[in-house]
């Protein structure tokens, strides 16, 4: 991938509302070149979606997010992909990652309450053929997501010490 496209991706990742004209100005390029590059990135699915990062704790919406470690047996000929596909097709699944280490998949799910999340794990996820074990962790509070800090942090109030 050329340098222009990488720079455009970084700028859009930082703020997806930036216009092609603003990006062109920031990079010293023509607006037409930036528009063409963005169109190519969208066509080849490098840019999949433009999204907004929302601090859901500020909204009166009771959602529960959980991270689930899944240990599994890979399928002959398809490895982890077949089971991963079955898992990511569930609407509760927000993200799914193949991991290295003590477990194979990390599943992020979202539900209306703890009971709904527990039901998903016990009746859908853990019953899939090939799933050996699961460990569920509930997210209590998000401090930072996708590079954005949700809470204002207190400054350093320590006194300066000089020699």
C-alpha atoms as a PDB file:
ATOM      1  CA  UNK A   1       0.000   0.000   0.000  1.00  0.00           C
ATOM      2  CA  UNK A   2       1.339   3.408  -0.901  1.00  0.00           C
ATOM      3  CA  UNK A   3       2.148   6.122   1.594  1.00  0.00           C
ATOM      4  CA  UNK A   4      -0.776   8.374   0.638  1.00  0.00           C
ATOM      5  CA  UNK A   5      -3.338   5.685   1.415  1.00  0.00           C
ATOM      6  CA  UNK A   6      -1.683   4.908   4.756  1.00  0.00           C
ATOM      7  CA  UNK A   7      -1.735   8.592   5.720  1.00  0.00           C
ATOM      8  CA  UNK A   8      -5.400   8.853   4.695  1.00  0.00           C
ATOM      9  CA  UNK A   9      -6.267   5.780   6.785  1.00  0.00           C
ATOM     10  CA  UNK A  10      -4.552   7.256   9.845  1.00  0.00           C
ATOM     11  CA  UNK A  11      -6.404  10.563   9.462  1.00  0.00           C
ATOM     12  CA  UNK A  12      -9.772   8.849   8.972  1.00  0.00           C
ATOM     13  CA  UNK A  13      -9.152   6.526  11.922  1.00  0.00           C
ATOM     14  CA  UNK A  14      -8.522   9.588  14.086  1.00  0.00           C
ATOM     15  CA  UNK A  15     -11.721  11.307  12.837  1.00  0.00           C
ATOM     16  CA  UNK A  16     -13.869   9.666  10.169  1.00  0.00           C
ATOM     17  CA  UNK A  17     -15.819  12.898   9.616  1.00  0.00           C
ATOM     18  CA  UNK A  18     -12.865  14.598   7.932  1.00  0.00           C
ATOM     19  CA  UNK A  19     -13.719  15.592   4.381  1.00  0.00           C
ATOM     20  CA  UNK A  20     -11.583  14.692   1.381  1.00  0.00           C
ATOM     21  CA  UNK A  21     -10.868  18.417   0.984  1.00  0.00           C
ATOM     22  CA  UNK A  22      -9.559  18.755   4.532  1.00  0.00           C
ATOM     23  CA  UNK A  23      -7.458  15.587   4.195  1.00  0.00           C
ATOM     24  CA  UNK A  24      -6.034  16.877   0.903  1.00  0.00           C
ATOM     25  CA  UNK A  25      -5.052  20.156   2.572  1.00  0.00           C
ATOM     26  CA  UNK A  26      -3.489  18.343   5.524  1.00  0.00           C
ATOM     27  CA  UNK A  27      -1.436  16.102   3.227  1.00  0.00           C
ATOM     28  CA  UNK A  28      -0.611  18.641   0.524  1.00  0.00           C
ATOM     29  CA  UNK A  29      -2.440  16.593  -2.132  1.00  0.00           C
ATOM     30  CA  UNK A  30      -5.289  17.342  -4.519  1.00  0.00           C
ATOM     31  CA  UNK A  31      -8.830  16.643  -3.378  1.00  0.00           C
ATOM     32  CA  UNK A  32      -9.351  14.436  -6.449  1.00  0.00           C
ATOM     33  CA  UNK A  33      -6.354  12.248  -5.546  1.00  0.00           C
ATOM     34  CA  UNK A  34      -7.646  11.841  -1.993  1.00  0.00           C
ATOM     35  CA  UNK A  35     -11.184  11.037  -3.188  1.00  0.00           C
ATOM     36  CA  UNK A  36      -9.828   8.416  -5.606  1.00  0.00           C
ATOM     37  CA  UNK A  37      -7.687   6.836  -2.889  1.00  0.00           C
ATOM     38  CA  UNK A  38     -10.626   6.703  -0.463  1.00  0.00           C
ATOM     39  CA  UNK A  39     -12.851   5.174  -3.166  1.00  0.00           C
ATOM     40  CA  UNK A  40     -10.213   2.470  -3.824  1.00  0.00           C
ATOM     41  CA  UNK A  41      -9.883   1.762  -0.081  1.00  0.00           C
ATOM     42  CA  UNK A  42     -13.664   1.382   0.177  1.00  0.00           C
ATOM     43  CA  UNK A  43     -13.926  -0.764  -2.971  1.00  0.00           C
ATOM     44  CA  UNK A  44     -11.245  -3.237  -1.838  1.00  0.00           C
ATOM     45  CA  UNK A  45     -12.792  -3.370   1.671  1.00  0.00           C
ATOM     46  CA  UNK A  46      -9.761  -1.873   3.424  1.00  0.00           C
ATOM     47  CA  UNK A  47     -12.211   0.702   4.771  1.00  0.00           C
ATOM     48  CA  UNK A  48     -15.052  -1.487   5.972  1.00  0.00           C
ATOM     49  CA  UNK A  49     -17.210   1.005   7.862  1.00  0.00           C
ATOM     50  CA  UNK A  50     -17.210   4.498   9.302  1.00  0.00           C
ATOM     51  CA  UNK A  51     -18.133   4.296  12.984  1.00  0.00           C
ATOM     52  CA  UNK A  52     -18.654   6.504  16.006  1.00  0.00           C
ATOM     53  CA  UNK A  53     -17.090   5.724  19.381  1.00  0.00           C
ATOM     54  CA  UNK A  54     -19.826   6.114  22.006  1.00  0.00           C
ATOM     55  CA  UNK A  55     -19.349   6.305  25.760  1.00  0.00           C
ATOM     56  CA  UNK A  56     -22.426   4.216  26.614  1.00  0.00           C
ATOM     57  CA  UNK A  57     -22.061   4.956  30.326  1.00  0.00           C
ATOM     58  CA  UNK A  58     -23.280   8.503  29.521  1.00  0.00           C
ATOM     59  CA  UNK A  59     -26.456   7.120  27.945  1.00  0.00           C
ATOM     60  CA  UNK A  60     -29.307   5.754  30.025  1.00  0.00           C
ATOM     61  CA  UNK A  61     -28.991   2.362  28.358  1.00  0.00           C
ATOM     62  CA  UNK A  62     -28.352  -0.743  30.425  1.00  0.00           C
ATOM     63  CA  UNK A  63     -26.041  -2.883  28.300  1.00  0.00           C
ATOM     64  CA  UNK A  64     -23.694  -5.577  29.505  1.00  0.00           C
ATOM     65  CA  UNK A  65     -20.480  -6.361  27.651  1.00  0.00           C
ATOM     66  CA  UNK A  66     -18.514  -9.536  28.268  1.00  0.00           C
ATOM     67  CA  UNK A  67     -15.241 -10.973  27.020  1.00  0.00           C
ATOM     68  CA  UNK A  68     -15.197 -14.746  26.697  1.00  0.00           C
ATOM     69  CA  UNK A  69     -12.082 -16.871  26.340  1.00  0.00           C
ATOM     70  CA  UNK A  70     -12.806 -19.999  24.313  1.00  0.00           C
ATOM     71  CA  UNK A  71     -10.640 -23.103  24.159  1.00  0.00           C
ATOM     72  CA  UNK A  72     -11.494 -25.306  21.204  1.00  0.00           C
ATOM     73  CA  UNK A  73     -10.425 -28.202  19.046  1.00  0.00           C
ATOM     74  CA  UNK A  74      -9.542 -27.102  15.505  1.00  0.00           C
ATOM     75  CA  UNK A  75     -11.419 -28.812  12.675  1.00  0.00           C
ATOM     76  CA  UNK A  76      -9.424 -30.954  10.255  1.00  0.00           C
ATOM     77  CA  UNK A  77      -8.824 -29.059   7.027  1.00  0.00           C
ATOM     78  CA  UNK A  78     -10.328 -25.757   8.239  1.00  0.00           C
ATOM     79  CA  UNK A  79      -8.534 -25.181  11.525  1.00  0.00           C
ATOM     80  CA  UNK A  80     -10.243 -22.593  13.692  1.00  0.00           C
ATOM     81  CA  UNK A  81     -12.108 -20.893  10.836  1.00  0.00           C
ATOM     82  CA  UNK A  82     -15.197 -23.137  10.716  1.00  0.00           C
ATOM     83  CA  UNK A  83     -16.059 -22.743  14.386  1.00  0.00           C
ATOM     84  CA  UNK A  84     -15.119 -19.067  14.365  1.00  0.00           C
ATOM     85  CA  UNK A  85     -17.605 -18.531  11.521  1.00  0.00           C
ATOM     86  CA  UNK A  86     -20.376 -20.236  13.459  1.00  0.00           C
ATOM     87  CA  UNK A  87     -19.651 -18.017  16.449  1.00  0.00           C
ATOM     88  CA  UNK A  88     -19.382 -14.662  14.653  1.00  0.00           C
ATOM     89  CA  UNK A  89     -22.748 -15.183  12.940  1.00  0.00           C
ATOM     90  CA  UNK A  90     -24.562 -14.819  16.279  1.00  0.00           C
ATOM     91  CA  UNK A  91     -25.992 -11.273  16.545  1.00  0.00           C
ATOM     92  CA  UNK A  92     -24.779 -10.963  20.173  1.00  0.00           C
ATOM     93  CA  UNK A  93     -21.152 -11.240  19.045  1.00  0.00           C
ATOM     94  CA  UNK A  94     -19.554  -7.797  18.632  1.00  0.00           C
ATOM     95  CA  UNK A  95     -15.966  -8.936  17.955  1.00  0.00           C
ATOM     96  CA  UNK A  96     -14.107 -12.216  17.572  1.00  0.00           C
ATOM     97  CA  UNK A  97     -10.346 -12.723  17.597  1.00  0.00           C
ATOM     98  CA  UNK A  98      -8.059 -15.723  17.079  1.00  0.00           C
ATOM     99  CA  UNK A  99      -5.506 -15.547  19.883  1.00  0.00           C
ATOM    100  CA  UNK A 100      -2.174 -17.029  20.813  1.00  0.00           C
ATOM    101  CA  UNK A 101      -1.619 -18.272  24.344  1.00  0.00           C
ATOM    102  CA  UNK A 102      -3.796 -20.137  26.837  1.00  0.00           C
ATOM    103  CA  UNK A 103      -7.018 -19.935  24.809  1.00  0.00           C
ATOM    104  CA  UNK A 104      -7.902 -19.913  21.115  1.00  0.00           C
ATOM    105  CA  UNK A 105     -10.655 -17.342  20.586  1.00  0.00           C
ATOM    106  CA  UNK A 106     -11.635 -14.152  22.360  1.00  0.00           C
ATOM    107  CA  UNK A 107     -15.317 -13.330  21.904  1.00  0.00           C
ATOM    108  CA  UNK A 108     -16.805  -9.954  22.800  1.00  0.00           C
ATOM    109  CA  UNK A 109     -20.565 -10.054  23.253  1.00  0.00           C
ATOM    110  CA  UNK A 110     -23.198  -7.567  24.262  1.00  0.00           C
ATOM    111  CA  UNK A 111     -26.502  -8.237  25.996  1.00  0.00           C
ATOM    112  CA  UNK A 112     -29.330  -6.407  27.735  1.00  0.00           C
ATOM    113  CA  UNK A 113     -28.414  -7.865  31.132  1.00  0.00           C
ATOM    114  CA  UNK A 114     -26.218 -10.444  32.898  1.00  0.00           C
ATOM    115  CA  UNK A 115     -28.847 -13.149  32.505  1.00  0.00           C
ATOM    116  CA  UNK A 116     -28.959 -12.729  28.718  1.00  0.00           C
ATOM    117  CA  UNK A 117     -25.162 -12.939  28.453  1.00  0.00           C
ATOM    118  CA  UNK A 118     -25.055 -15.997  30.726  1.00  0.00           C
ATOM    119  CA  UNK A 119     -27.779 -17.644  28.652  1.00  0.00           C
ATOM    120  CA  UNK A 120     -25.810 -17.040  25.444  1.00  0.00           C
ATOM    121  CA  UNK A 121     -22.686 -18.621  26.923  1.00  0.00           C
ATOM    122  CA  UNK A 122     -24.441 -21.628  28.446  1.00  0.00           C
ATOM    123  CA  UNK A 123     -26.954 -22.440  25.719  1.00  0.00           C
ATOM    124  CA  UNK A 124     -25.299 -21.306  22.486  1.00  0.00           C
ATOM    125  CA  UNK A 125     -21.538 -20.911  22.813  1.00  0.00           C
ATOM    126  CA  UNK A 126     -20.475 -23.683  25.184  1.00  0.00           C
ATOM    127  CA  UNK A 127     -22.694 -26.265  23.459  1.00  0.00           C
ATOM    128  CA  UNK A 128     -21.008 -25.895  20.051  1.00  0.00           C
ATOM    129  CA  UNK A 129     -19.143 -28.980  18.909  1.00  0.00           C
ATOM    130  CA  UNK A 130     -15.429 -28.329  19.251  1.00  0.00           C
ATOM    131  CA  UNK A 131     -15.709 -25.912  22.201  1.00  0.00           C
ATOM    132  CA  UNK A 132     -13.749 -27.378  25.112  1.00  0.00           C
ATOM    133  CA  UNK A 133     -14.152 -24.607  27.685  1.00  0.00           C
ATOM    134  CA  UNK A 134     -15.128 -20.972  28.174  1.00  0.00           C
ATOM    135  CA  UNK A 135     -14.230 -18.269  30.711  1.00  0.00           C
ATOM    136  CA  UNK A 136     -16.419 -15.202  30.901  1.00  0.00           C
ATOM    137  CA  UNK A 137     -15.335 -11.755  32.107  1.00  0.00           C
ATOM    138  CA  UNK A 138     -17.823  -8.901  32.451  1.00  0.00           C
ATOM    139  CA  UNK A 139     -16.669  -5.378  31.634  1.00  0.00           C
ATOM    140  CA  UNK A 140     -17.503  -3.160  34.588  1.00  0.00           C
ATOM    141  CA  UNK A 141     -16.240   0.159  33.232  1.00  0.00           C
ATOM    142  CA  UNK A 142     -14.497   1.331  30.064  1.00  0.00           C
ATOM    143  CA  UNK A 143     -11.778   3.888  30.573  1.00  0.00           C
ATOM    144  CA  UNK A 144     -10.424   3.929  27.034  1.00  0.00           C
ATOM    145  CA  UNK A 145     -11.553   2.437  23.719  1.00  0.00           C
ATOM    146  CA  UNK A 146     -10.024   2.708  20.257  1.00  0.00           C
ATOM    147  CA  UNK A 147      -7.548   5.286  21.527  1.00  0.00           C
ATOM    148  CA  UNK A 148     -10.184   7.541  23.098  1.00  0.00           C
ATOM    149  CA  UNK A 149     -10.234   8.228  26.839  1.00  0.00           C
ATOM    150  CA  UNK A 150     -13.803   8.365  28.161  1.00  0.00           C
ATOM    151  CA  UNK A 151     -13.251  10.127  31.484  1.00  0.00           C
ATOM    152  CA  UNK A 152     -11.470  13.371  32.212  1.00  0.00           C
ATOM    153  CA  UNK A 153      -8.441  12.481  34.268  1.00  0.00           C
ATOM    154  CA  UNK A 154      -7.125  14.448  37.153  1.00  0.00           C
ATOM    155  CA  UNK A 155      -3.838  16.183  36.609  1.00  0.00           C
ATOM    156  CA  UNK A 156      -0.719  15.423  38.599  1.00  0.00           C
ATOM    157  CA  UNK A 157      -1.088  17.344  41.852  1.00  0.00           C
ATOM    158  CA  UNK A 158       2.234  16.332  43.372  1.00  0.00           C
ATOM    159  CA  UNK A 159       4.592  19.064  44.473  1.00  0.00           C
ATOM    160  CA  UNK A 160       7.774  19.542  42.545  1.00  0.00           C
ATOM    161  CA  UNK A 161      10.910  18.418  44.338  1.00  0.00           C
ATOM    162  CA  UNK A 162      14.207  19.938  43.354  1.00  0.00           C
ATOM    163  CA  UNK A 163      17.696  18.920  44.476  1.00  0.00           C
END
